[in-house]
Amino acid sequence: RFKEAESVLRKSLEIYDRLPTDHFGRIKSLTLLAQVLDDQDKFAEAERLDREALELSRKFDSDESVGVCLNNLGITLLKQHRIAEAEKFVREANQIARKQDNDETIAKAANSLGALLHMRGRLAEAEVLYRSALKTDPTQMRAVVRLADVLSREKKTQELAALADAPIAGSALPPETLMQIAGALRD
């Protein structure tokens, strides 16, 4: 239902265009629309909206909001395999997040930086960040899936087997991750 969400969020932005002093609402709408576009692989527009949200956030909002905007922009750039460019934003988001008192923000930033390092082949560093993200917020399913990939590539079969048996936030791992674990354990 991405198209419906996109339509509603575009209407929201039109309203905020007429309310030039409600920066927080505009930032939130920009961020949400960018995420919906990102999920549809509409990266160019998502990136433009992420950058606008970041600019407004730096001017008018809190450090936490700036960190979220930095992280979102970094993720959008990562999905486009613009790793070097993404690194600047993800690292700054991670630095800001570590100063916050919000476990979800801290975990998401660690997970994003882990993904970046993972893409660069720096598996040991990525593993540390994924574990940190999960220790801070065990509901980070993407961190679990990525950690499973790292453990598989590093041939850490005992840890991989333990991960397969551990319930994450009360739910099972996705079947694709379980198949990856089974394949690694079979080798």
N, C-alpha and C. Protein backbone atom coordinates (compact mmCIF):
# COMPACT_ATOMS: atom_id res chain seq x y z
N ARG A 1 0.82 -1.20 0.00
CA ARG A 1 0.00 0.00 0.00
C ARG A 1 0.87 1.26 0.00
N PHE A 2 2.02 1.11 -0.61
CA PHE A 2 2.96 2.23 -0.67
C PHE A 2 2.38 3.42 -1.43
N LYS A 3 1.67 3.14 -2.51
CA LYS A 3 1.12 4.23 -3.33
C LYS A 3 0.15 5.07 -2.52
N GLU A 4 -0.68 4.42 -1.71
CA GLU A 4 -1.64 5.15 -0.88
C GLU A 4 -0.91 5.99 0.17
N ALA A 5 0.09 5.40 0.80
CA ALA A 5 0.87 6.12 1.80
C ALA A 5 1.58 7.31 1.15
N GLU A 6 2.13 7.08 -0.03
CA GLU A 6 2.81 8.16 -0.74
C GLU A 6 1.85 9.31 -1.02
N SER A 7 0.64 9.00 -1.47
CA SER A 7 -0.35 10.03 -1.78
C SER A 7 -0.73 10.83 -0.54
N VAL A 8 -0.96 10.15 0.56
CA VAL A 8 -1.33 10.83 1.81
C VAL A 8 -0.19 11.73 2.30
N LEU A 9 1.03 11.24 2.22
CA LEU A 9 2.17 12.03 2.69
C LEU A 9 2.44 13.23 1.77
N ARG A 10 2.18 13.08 0.49
CA ARG A 10 2.32 14.23 -0.41
C ARG A 10 1.30 15.31 -0.06
N LYS A 11 0.09 14.90 0.28
CA LYS A 11 -0.94 15.86 0.71
C LYS A 11 -0.50 16.55 2.01
N SER A 12 0.07 15.79 2.89
CA SER A 12 0.56 16.35 4.15
C SER A 12 1.62 17.42 3.89
N LEU A 13 2.53 17.15 2.96
CA LEU A 13 3.56 18.13 2.62
C LEU A 13 2.96 19.39 2.00
N GLU A 14 1.92 19.22 1.19
CA GLU A 14 1.25 20.39 0.60
C GLU A 14 0.67 21.28 1.70
N ILE A 15 0.13 20.67 2.73
CA ILE A 15 -0.42 21.44 3.86
C ILE A 15 0.72 22.16 4.58
N TYR A 16 1.82 21.46 4.83
CA TYR A 16 2.94 22.09 5.53
C TYR A 16 3.58 23.20 4.70
N ASP A 17 3.44 23.13 3.38
CA ASP A 17 3.93 24.23 2.53
C ASP A 17 3.19 25.54 2.86
N ARG A 18 1.95 25.41 3.31
CA ARG A 18 1.15 26.60 3.66
C ARG A 18 1.32 26.99 5.13
N LEU A 19 2.04 26.18 5.88
CA LEU A 19 2.31 26.45 7.30
C LEU A 19 3.82 26.56 7.49
N PRO A 20 4.40 27.64 7.04
CA PRO A 20 5.87 27.72 7.01
C PRO A 20 6.55 27.69 8.37
N THR A 21 5.81 27.84 9.45
CA THR A 21 6.47 27.84 10.76
C THR A 21 6.43 26.48 11.46
N ASP A 22 5.70 25.51 10.91
CA ASP A 22 5.62 24.18 11.53
C ASP A 22 6.72 23.29 10.95
N HIS A 23 7.94 23.55 11.37
CA HIS A 23 9.08 22.82 10.82
C HIS A 23 9.10 21.36 11.26
N PHE A 24 8.68 21.10 12.51
CA PHE A 24 8.72 19.72 12.98
C PHE A 24 7.79 18.84 12.15
N GLY A 25 6.58 19.31 11.89
CA GLY A 25 5.63 18.53 11.08
C GLY A 25 6.15 18.31 9.68
N ARG A 26 6.76 19.33 9.10
CA ARG A 26 7.31 19.20 7.75
C ARG A 26 8.46 18.20 7.74
N ILE A 27 9.33 18.28 8.73
CA ILE A 27 10.45 17.33 8.81
C ILE A 27 9.92 15.90 8.90
N LYS A 28 8.94 15.69 9.74
CA LYS A 28 8.37 14.35 9.92
C LYS A 28 7.74 13.85 8.62
N SER A 29 6.99 14.72 7.93
CA SER A 29 6.38 14.33 6.66
C SER A 29 7.42 14.03 5.59
N LEU A 30 8.45 14.87 5.51
CA LEU A 30 9.53 14.63 4.56
C LEU A 30 10.21 13.29 4.83
N THR A 31 10.48 13.03 6.09
CA THR A 31 11.15 11.79 6.49
C THR A 31 10.31 10.57 6.14
N LEU A 32 9.03 10.62 6.48
CA LEU A 32 8.16 9.47 6.20
C LEU A 32 7.99 9.25 4.70
N LEU A 33 7.80 10.33 3.94
CA LEU A 33 7.65 10.18 2.50
C LEU A 33 8.95 9.65 1.89
N ALA A 34 10.08 10.13 2.35
CA ALA A 34 11.36 9.62 1.84
C ALA A 34 11.48 8.12 2.10
N GLN A 35 11.04 7.67 3.28
CA GLN A 35 11.12 6.24 3.58
C GLN A 35 10.20 5.42 2.68
N VAL A 36 8.99 5.94 2.41
CA VAL A 36 8.06 5.25 1.52
C VAL A 36 8.64 5.17 0.10
N LEU A 37 9.23 6.27 -0.36
CA LEU A 37 9.84 6.29 -1.69
C LEU A 37 11.06 5.35 -1.73
N ASP A 38 11.84 5.36 -0.67
CA ASP A 38 13.00 4.48 -0.56
C ASP A 38 12.57 3.01 -0.66
N ASP A 39 11.48 2.68 0.02
CA ASP A 39 10.98 1.30 -0.02
C ASP A 39 10.50 0.89 -1.41
N GLN A 40 10.20 1.89 -2.26
CA GLN A 40 9.77 1.62 -3.64
C GLN A 40 10.93 1.77 -4.63
N ASP A 41 12.14 1.90 -4.10
CA ASP A 41 13.35 2.08 -4.92
C ASP A 41 13.33 3.37 -5.73
N LYS A 42 12.64 4.39 -5.23
CA LYS A 42 12.63 5.71 -5.86
C LYS A 42 13.68 6.55 -5.13
N PHE A 43 14.93 6.17 -5.35
CA PHE A 43 16.02 6.70 -4.54
C PHE A 43 16.32 8.17 -4.78
N ALA A 44 16.23 8.63 -6.01
CA ALA A 44 16.58 10.03 -6.29
C ALA A 44 15.68 10.99 -5.52
N GLU A 45 14.38 10.74 -5.57
CA GLU A 45 13.46 11.62 -4.84
C GLU A 45 13.59 11.42 -3.34
N ALA A 46 13.76 10.18 -2.90
CA ALA A 46 13.94 9.92 -1.47
C ALA A 46 15.17 10.66 -0.95
N GLU A 47 16.25 10.62 -1.71
CA GLU A 47 17.47 11.32 -1.31
C GLU A 47 17.23 12.83 -1.21
N ARG A 48 16.53 13.39 -2.20
CA ARG A 48 16.25 14.83 -2.18
C ARG A 48 15.44 15.21 -0.93
N LEU A 49 14.44 14.40 -0.60
CA LEU A 49 13.61 14.67 0.58
C LEU A 49 14.41 14.47 1.88
N ASP A 50 15.25 13.44 1.91
CA ASP A 50 16.10 13.22 3.08
C ASP A 50 17.03 14.41 3.31
N ARG A 51 17.58 14.93 2.24
CA ARG A 51 18.47 16.09 2.35
C ARG A 51 17.71 17.34 2.82
N GLU A 52 16.50 17.52 2.32
CA GLU A 52 15.69 18.66 2.77
C GLU A 52 15.34 18.53 4.25
N ALA A 53 14.96 17.32 4.66
CA ALA A 53 14.63 17.08 6.07
C ALA A 53 15.85 17.34 6.95
N LEU A 54 17.01 16.90 6.50
CA LEU A 54 18.25 17.12 7.25
C LEU A 54 18.54 18.61 7.39
N GLU A 55 18.40 19.34 6.30
CA GLU A 55 18.67 20.78 6.33
C GLU A 55 17.73 21.49 7.32
N LEU A 56 16.44 21.18 7.25
CA LEU A 56 15.48 21.79 8.18
C LEU A 56 15.77 21.37 9.61
N SER A 57 16.11 20.11 9.78
CA SER A 57 16.38 19.59 11.12
C SER A 57 17.59 20.28 11.73
N ARG A 58 18.61 20.49 10.95
CA ARG A 58 19.80 21.19 11.46
C ARG A 58 19.47 22.62 11.88
N LYS A 59 18.54 23.25 11.19
CA LYS A 59 18.17 24.64 11.50
C LYS A 59 17.22 24.75 12.69
N PHE A 60 16.24 23.84 12.77
CA PHE A 60 15.13 24.08 13.67
C PHE A 60 14.85 22.99 14.70
N ASP A 61 15.52 21.86 14.64
CA ASP A 61 15.10 20.76 15.50
C ASP A 61 16.24 20.27 16.38
N SER A 62 15.99 19.18 17.07
CA SER A 62 16.91 18.64 18.07
C SER A 62 18.02 17.81 17.41
N ASP A 63 19.06 17.54 18.20
CA ASP A 63 20.14 16.67 17.74
C ASP A 63 19.61 15.29 17.38
N GLU A 64 18.64 14.80 18.16
CA GLU A 64 18.10 13.47 17.88
C GLU A 64 17.46 13.45 16.49
N SER A 65 16.72 14.49 16.16
CA SER A 65 16.10 14.58 14.84
C SER A 65 17.17 14.66 13.75
N VAL A 66 18.22 15.42 13.98
CA VAL A 66 19.32 15.52 13.02
C VAL A 66 19.93 14.13 12.82
N GLY A 67 20.14 13.40 13.91
CA GLY A 67 20.70 12.06 13.82
C GLY A 67 19.84 11.11 13.01
N VAL A 68 18.53 11.18 13.22
CA VAL A 68 17.60 10.33 12.46
C VAL A 68 17.67 10.68 10.97
N CYS A 69 17.68 11.98 10.66
CA CYS A 69 17.76 12.42 9.26
C CYS A 69 19.08 11.98 8.62
N LEU A 70 20.18 12.11 9.35
CA LEU A 70 21.48 11.66 8.85
C LEU A 70 21.47 10.16 8.56
N ASN A 71 20.91 9.40 9.48
CA ASN A 71 20.85 7.95 9.32
C ASN A 71 20.00 7.58 8.11
N ASN A 72 18.84 8.23 7.97
CA ASN A 72 17.97 7.93 6.83
C ASN A 72 18.65 8.23 5.51
N LEU A 73 19.32 9.37 5.43
CA LEU A 73 20.04 9.73 4.21
C LEU A 73 21.16 8.71 3.94
N GLY A 74 21.87 8.33 4.97
CA GLY A 74 22.92 7.32 4.82
C GLY A 74 22.37 6.00 4.28
N ILE A 75 21.23 5.58 4.79
CA ILE A 75 20.61 4.32 4.34
C ILE A 75 20.21 4.43 2.87
N THR A 76 19.62 5.58 2.49
CA THR A 76 19.23 5.77 1.10
C THR A 76 20.46 5.70 0.19
N LEU A 77 21.55 6.31 0.60
CA LEU A 77 22.77 6.26 -0.19
C LEU A 77 23.36 4.85 -0.23
N LEU A 78 23.29 4.14 0.89
CA LEU A 78 23.78 2.74 0.92
C LEU A 78 23.01 1.87 -0.07
N LYS A 79 21.70 2.07 -0.12
CA LYS A 79 20.88 1.26 -1.04
C LYS A 79 21.24 1.52 -2.49
N GLN A 80 21.86 2.67 -2.74
CA GLN A 80 22.31 2.99 -4.09
C GLN A 80 23.78 2.60 -4.29
N HIS A 81 24.35 1.94 -3.28
CA HIS A 81 25.75 1.51 -3.30
C HIS A 81 26.72 2.70 -3.39
N ARG A 82 26.32 3.81 -2.84
CA ARG A 82 27.18 4.99 -2.76
C ARG A 82 27.80 4.99 -1.36
N ILE A 83 28.61 3.99 -1.13
CA ILE A 83 29.10 3.67 0.20
C ILE A 83 29.98 4.77 0.77
N ALA A 84 30.90 5.27 -0.01
CA ALA A 84 31.81 6.31 0.50
C ALA A 84 31.03 7.55 0.92
N GLU A 85 30.06 7.94 0.11
CA GLU A 85 29.24 9.11 0.45
C GLU A 85 28.37 8.84 1.67
N ALA A 86 27.82 7.64 1.74
CA ALA A 86 26.95 7.28 2.85
C ALA A 86 27.70 7.26 4.18
N GLU A 87 28.97 6.88 4.12
CA GLU A 87 29.74 6.71 5.36
C GLU A 87 29.78 8.00 6.19
N LYS A 88 29.95 9.12 5.55
CA LYS A 88 29.99 10.41 6.25
C LYS A 88 28.71 10.62 7.08
N PHE A 89 27.57 10.36 6.48
CA PHE A 89 26.29 10.59 7.15
C PHE A 89 26.02 9.56 8.23
N VAL A 90 26.34 8.31 7.95
CA VAL A 90 26.09 7.23 8.91
C VAL A 90 26.98 7.38 10.14
N ARG A 91 28.23 7.75 9.92
CA ARG A 91 29.14 7.94 11.07
C ARG A 91 28.69 9.12 11.93
N GLU A 92 28.27 10.22 11.30
CA GLU A 92 27.79 11.36 12.08
C GLU A 92 26.51 10.99 12.84
N ALA A 93 25.62 10.24 12.21
CA ALA A 93 24.40 9.78 12.88
C ALA A 93 24.74 8.91 14.08
N ASN A 94 25.73 8.04 13.92
CA ASN A 94 26.15 7.16 15.01
C ASN A 94 26.72 7.96 16.18
N GLN A 95 27.51 8.99 15.88
CA GLN A 95 28.07 9.84 16.94
C GLN A 95 26.97 10.56 17.70
N ILE A 96 26.00 11.10 16.98
CA ILE A 96 24.89 11.80 17.63
C ILE A 96 24.05 10.83 18.45
N ALA A 97 23.78 9.65 17.88
CA ALA A 97 22.94 8.66 18.57
C ALA A 97 23.53 8.23 19.90
N ARG A 98 24.86 8.07 19.95
CA ARG A 98 25.50 7.62 21.19
C ARG A 98 25.32 8.63 22.32
N LYS A 99 25.02 9.88 22.00
CA LYS A 99 24.79 10.90 23.01
C LYS A 99 23.33 10.95 23.46
N GLN A 100 22.46 10.21 22.79
CA GLN A 100 21.03 10.25 23.07
C GLN A 100 20.66 9.24 24.16
N ASP A 101 19.46 9.42 24.65
CA ASP A 101 18.92 8.49 25.64
C ASP A 101 17.75 7.73 25.03
N ASN A 102 17.94 7.26 23.80
CA ASN A 102 16.88 6.58 23.08
C ASN A 102 17.47 5.30 22.48
N ASP A 103 17.14 4.16 23.08
CA ASP A 103 17.72 2.89 22.66
C ASP A 103 17.46 2.58 21.19
N GLU A 104 16.27 2.86 20.71
CA GLU A 104 15.95 2.56 19.32
C GLU A 104 16.84 3.36 18.37
N THR A 105 17.03 4.65 18.66
CA THR A 105 17.88 5.50 17.82
C THR A 105 19.32 5.01 17.85
N ILE A 106 19.82 4.68 19.03
CA ILE A 106 21.18 4.17 19.17
C ILE A 106 21.35 2.88 18.39
N ALA A 107 20.39 1.97 18.52
CA ALA A 107 20.48 0.67 17.84
C ALA A 107 20.41 0.82 16.32
N LYS A 108 19.52 1.67 15.84
CA LYS A 108 19.40 1.87 14.38
C LYS A 108 20.69 2.45 13.81
N ALA A 109 21.27 3.40 14.51
CA ALA A 109 22.52 4.01 14.02
C ALA A 109 23.65 2.98 14.01
N ALA A 110 23.75 2.15 15.05
CA ALA A 110 24.78 1.11 15.09
C ALA A 110 24.55 0.09 13.98
N ASN A 111 23.30 -0.26 13.74
CA ASN A 111 22.96 -1.20 12.69
C ASN A 111 23.33 -0.64 11.31
N SER A 112 23.05 0.64 11.09
CA SER A 112 23.39 1.25 9.80
C SER A 112 24.89 1.30 9.58
N LEU A 113 25.63 1.68 10.60
CA LEU A 113 27.09 1.71 10.47
C LEU A 113 27.62 0.28 10.27
N GLY A 114 27.02 -0.66 10.95
CA GLY A 114 27.39 -2.07 10.74
C GLY A 114 27.15 -2.50 9.30
N ALA A 115 26.02 -2.09 8.73
CA ALA A 115 25.71 -2.44 7.34
C ALA A 115 26.74 -1.85 6.38
N LEU A 116 27.13 -0.62 6.66
CA LEU A 116 28.12 0.04 5.81
C LEU A 116 29.45 -0.72 5.87
N LEU A 117 29.90 -1.03 7.07
CA LEU A 117 31.16 -1.76 7.22
C LEU A 117 31.05 -3.17 6.63
N HIS A 118 29.90 -3.77 6.77
CA HIS A 118 29.61 -5.09 6.20
C HIS A 118 29.79 -5.03 4.68
N MET A 119 29.22 -4.00 4.04
CA MET A 119 29.34 -3.83 2.60
C MET A 119 30.80 -3.61 2.18
N ARG A 120 31.56 -3.04 3.06
CA ARG A 120 32.99 -2.80 2.77
C ARG A 120 33.85 -4.02 3.07
N GLY A 121 33.23 -5.10 3.57
CA GLY A 121 33.98 -6.31 3.86
C GLY A 121 34.66 -6.31 5.21
N ARG A 122 34.35 -5.34 6.04
CA ARG A 122 34.96 -5.24 7.38
C ARG A 122 34.03 -5.97 8.37
N LEU A 123 34.03 -7.28 8.25
CA LEU A 123 33.06 -8.12 8.94
C LEU A 123 33.20 -8.10 10.45
N ALA A 124 34.41 -8.12 10.97
CA ALA A 124 34.59 -8.13 12.43
C ALA A 124 34.01 -6.86 13.05
N GLU A 125 34.25 -5.71 12.42
CA GLU A 125 33.72 -4.45 12.94
C GLU A 125 32.19 -4.42 12.81
N ALA A 126 31.68 -4.94 11.70
CA ALA A 126 30.24 -5.00 11.50
C ALA A 126 29.59 -5.89 12.57
N GLU A 127 30.23 -7.01 12.86
CA GLU A 127 29.70 -7.93 13.87
C GLU A 127 29.56 -7.22 15.22
N VAL A 128 30.57 -6.49 15.61
CA VAL A 128 30.53 -5.76 16.89
C VAL A 128 29.35 -4.79 16.91
N LEU A 129 29.16 -4.07 15.82
CA LEU A 129 28.07 -3.09 15.76
C LEU A 129 26.70 -3.76 15.76
N TYR A 130 26.55 -4.87 15.04
CA TYR A 130 25.27 -5.59 15.05
C TYR A 130 24.95 -6.11 16.45
N ARG A 131 25.97 -6.64 17.12
CA ARG A 131 25.76 -7.14 18.49
C ARG A 131 25.40 -5.99 19.43
N SER A 132 26.05 -4.86 19.24
CA SER A 132 25.74 -3.68 20.04
C SER A 132 24.30 -3.22 19.81
N ALA A 133 23.89 -3.20 18.55
CA ALA A 133 22.52 -2.81 18.21
C ALA A 133 21.52 -3.74 18.89
N LEU A 134 21.80 -5.04 18.85
CA LEU A 134 20.88 -6.02 19.44
C LEU A 134 20.88 -5.98 20.96
N LYS A 135 22.03 -5.68 21.54
CA LYS A 135 22.10 -5.55 23.00
C LYS A 135 21.27 -4.34 23.45
N THR A 136 21.34 -3.26 22.67
CA THR A 136 20.61 -2.05 23.01
C THR A 136 19.12 -2.20 22.74
N ASP A 137 18.79 -2.81 21.60
CA ASP A 137 17.38 -2.97 21.20
C ASP A 137 17.23 -4.30 20.48
N PRO A 138 16.80 -5.34 21.21
CA PRO A 138 16.71 -6.68 20.62
C PRO A 138 15.65 -6.83 19.53
N THR A 139 14.87 -5.80 19.25
CA THR A 139 13.85 -5.89 18.21
C THR A 139 14.40 -5.55 16.83
N GLN A 140 15.68 -5.26 16.71
CA GLN A 140 16.28 -4.88 15.42
C GLN A 140 16.50 -6.12 14.55
N MET A 141 15.45 -6.56 13.87
CA MET A 141 15.50 -7.79 13.07
C MET A 141 16.54 -7.70 11.95
N ARG A 142 16.70 -6.52 11.35
CA ARG A 142 17.70 -6.39 10.29
C ARG A 142 19.10 -6.65 10.84
N ALA A 143 19.35 -6.23 12.07
CA ALA A 143 20.65 -6.49 12.68
C ALA A 143 20.86 -7.99 12.87
N VAL A 144 19.81 -8.70 13.22
CA VAL A 144 19.91 -10.16 13.39
C VAL A 144 20.24 -10.82 12.06
N VAL A 145 19.52 -10.43 11.02
CA VAL A 145 19.73 -11.02 9.70
C VAL A 145 21.15 -10.73 9.21
N ARG A 146 21.59 -9.51 9.41
CA ARG A 146 22.95 -9.14 8.97
C ARG A 146 24.01 -9.83 9.82
N LEU A 147 23.75 -9.95 11.12
CA LEU A 147 24.69 -10.67 11.99
C LEU A 147 24.81 -12.12 11.54
N ALA A 148 23.69 -12.72 11.17
CA ALA A 148 23.73 -14.11 10.69
C ALA A 148 24.61 -14.22 9.45
N ASP A 149 24.50 -13.25 8.56
CA ASP A 149 25.33 -13.27 7.35
C ASP A 149 26.81 -13.15 7.71
N VAL A 150 27.12 -12.24 8.62
CA VAL A 150 28.52 -12.06 9.04
C VAL A 150 29.06 -13.34 9.68
N LEU A 151 28.31 -13.92 10.60
CA LEU A 151 28.75 -15.14 11.27
C LEU A 151 28.95 -16.28 10.27
N SER A 152 28.06 -16.34 9.27
CA SER A 152 28.18 -17.36 8.23
C SER A 152 29.46 -17.16 7.43
N ARG A 153 29.74 -15.92 7.04
CA ARG A 153 30.95 -15.63 6.26
C ARG A 153 32.22 -15.85 7.07
N GLU A 154 32.13 -15.62 8.38
CA GLU A 154 33.29 -15.81 9.25
C GLU A 154 33.43 -17.26 9.72
N LYS A 155 32.50 -18.11 9.30
CA LYS A 155 32.51 -19.54 9.66
C LYS A 155 32.41 -19.76 11.17
N LYS A 156 31.65 -18.92 11.84
CA LYS A 156 31.43 -19.05 13.28
C LYS A 156 30.16 -19.87 13.50
N THR A 157 30.29 -21.17 13.28
CA THR A 157 29.12 -22.04 13.24
C THR A 157 28.41 -22.20 14.58
N GLN A 158 29.16 -22.25 15.68
CA GLN A 158 28.51 -22.38 16.99
C GLN A 158 27.64 -21.16 17.30
N GLU A 159 28.19 -19.98 17.05
CA GLU A 159 27.44 -18.76 17.31
C GLU A 159 26.24 -18.65 16.36
N LEU A 160 26.43 -19.12 15.14
CA LEU A 160 25.37 -19.10 14.15
C LEU A 160 24.23 -20.03 14.56
N ALA A 161 24.59 -21.21 15.05
CA ALA A 161 23.58 -22.16 15.52
C ALA A 161 22.81 -21.60 16.70
N ALA A 162 23.52 -20.96 17.62
CA ALA A 162 22.86 -20.34 18.78
C ALA A 162 21.92 -19.23 18.34
N LEU A 163 22.32 -18.46 17.33
CA LEU A 163 21.48 -17.39 16.82
C LEU A 163 20.19 -17.95 16.22
N ALA A 164 20.29 -19.08 15.55
CA ALA A 164 19.11 -19.70 14.94
C ALA A 164 18.09 -20.12 15.98
N ASP A 165 18.56 -20.51 17.16
CA ASP A 165 17.66 -20.98 18.22
C ASP A 165 17.13 -19.87 19.11
N ALA A 166 17.75 -18.71 19.05
CA ALA A 166 17.36 -17.62 19.95
C ALA A 166 16.14 -16.88 19.41
N PRO A 167 15.08 -16.78 20.22
CA PRO A 167 13.94 -15.97 19.79
C PRO A 167 14.33 -14.49 19.86
N ILE A 168 14.09 -13.77 18.82
CA ILE A 168 14.43 -12.36 18.75
C ILE A 168 13.13 -11.58 18.91
N ALA A 169 13.04 -10.83 20.00
CA ALA A 169 11.85 -10.03 20.27
C ALA A 169 10.59 -10.87 20.18
N GLY A 170 10.67 -12.13 20.62
CA GLY A 170 9.50 -12.98 20.66
C GLY A 170 9.10 -13.57 19.31
N SER A 171 9.91 -13.37 18.27
CA SER A 171 9.54 -13.93 16.97
C SER A 171 10.71 -14.73 16.40
N ALA A 172 10.37 -15.59 15.48
CA ALA A 172 11.40 -16.43 14.85
C ALA A 172 12.12 -15.63 13.77
N LEU A 173 13.29 -16.12 13.40
CA LEU A 173 14.04 -15.51 12.31
C LEU A 173 13.31 -15.74 10.99
N PRO A 174 13.51 -14.85 10.02
CA PRO A 174 12.91 -15.08 8.70
C PRO A 174 13.41 -16.38 8.10
N PRO A 175 12.57 -17.06 7.31
CA PRO A 175 12.97 -18.36 6.74
C PRO A 175 14.24 -18.27 5.90
N GLU A 176 14.44 -17.14 5.17
CA GLU A 176 15.64 -17.01 4.35
C GLU A 176 16.90 -17.03 5.22
N THR A 177 16.81 -16.40 6.38
CA THR A 177 17.95 -16.37 7.29
C THR A 177 18.20 -17.75 7.87
N LEU A 178 17.13 -18.46 8.21
CA LEU A 178 17.28 -19.83 8.72
C LEU A 178 17.90 -20.74 7.66
N MET A 179 17.51 -20.56 6.40
CA MET A 179 18.10 -21.37 5.32
C MET A 179 19.58 -21.03 5.16
N GLN A 180 19.93 -19.75 5.28
CA GLN A 180 21.34 -19.34 5.19
C GLN A 180 22.14 -19.98 6.32
N ILE A 181 21.57 -19.97 7.52
CA ILE A 181 22.24 -20.57 8.67
C ILE A 181 22.42 -22.07 8.44
N ALA A 182 21.35 -22.71 7.97
CA ALA A 182 21.42 -24.16 7.74
C ALA A 182 22.49 -24.48 6.69
N GLY A 183 22.56 -23.68 5.64
CA GLY A 183 23.57 -23.89 4.61
C GLY A 183 24.98 -23.73 5.15
N ALA A 184 25.18 -22.73 5.99
CA ALA A 184 26.50 -22.50 6.57
C ALA A 184 26.87 -23.64 7.54
N LEU A 185 25.90 -24.13 8.28
CA LEU A 185 26.16 -25.20 9.22
C LEU A 185 26.43 -26.53 8.48
N ARG A 186 25.82 -26.68 7.33
CA ARG A 186 26.01 -27.90 6.53
C ARG A 186 27.42 -27.96 5.95
N ASP A 187 27.98 -26.81 5.62
CA ASP A 187 29.32 -26.77 4.97
C ASP A 187 30.41 -27.27 5.85
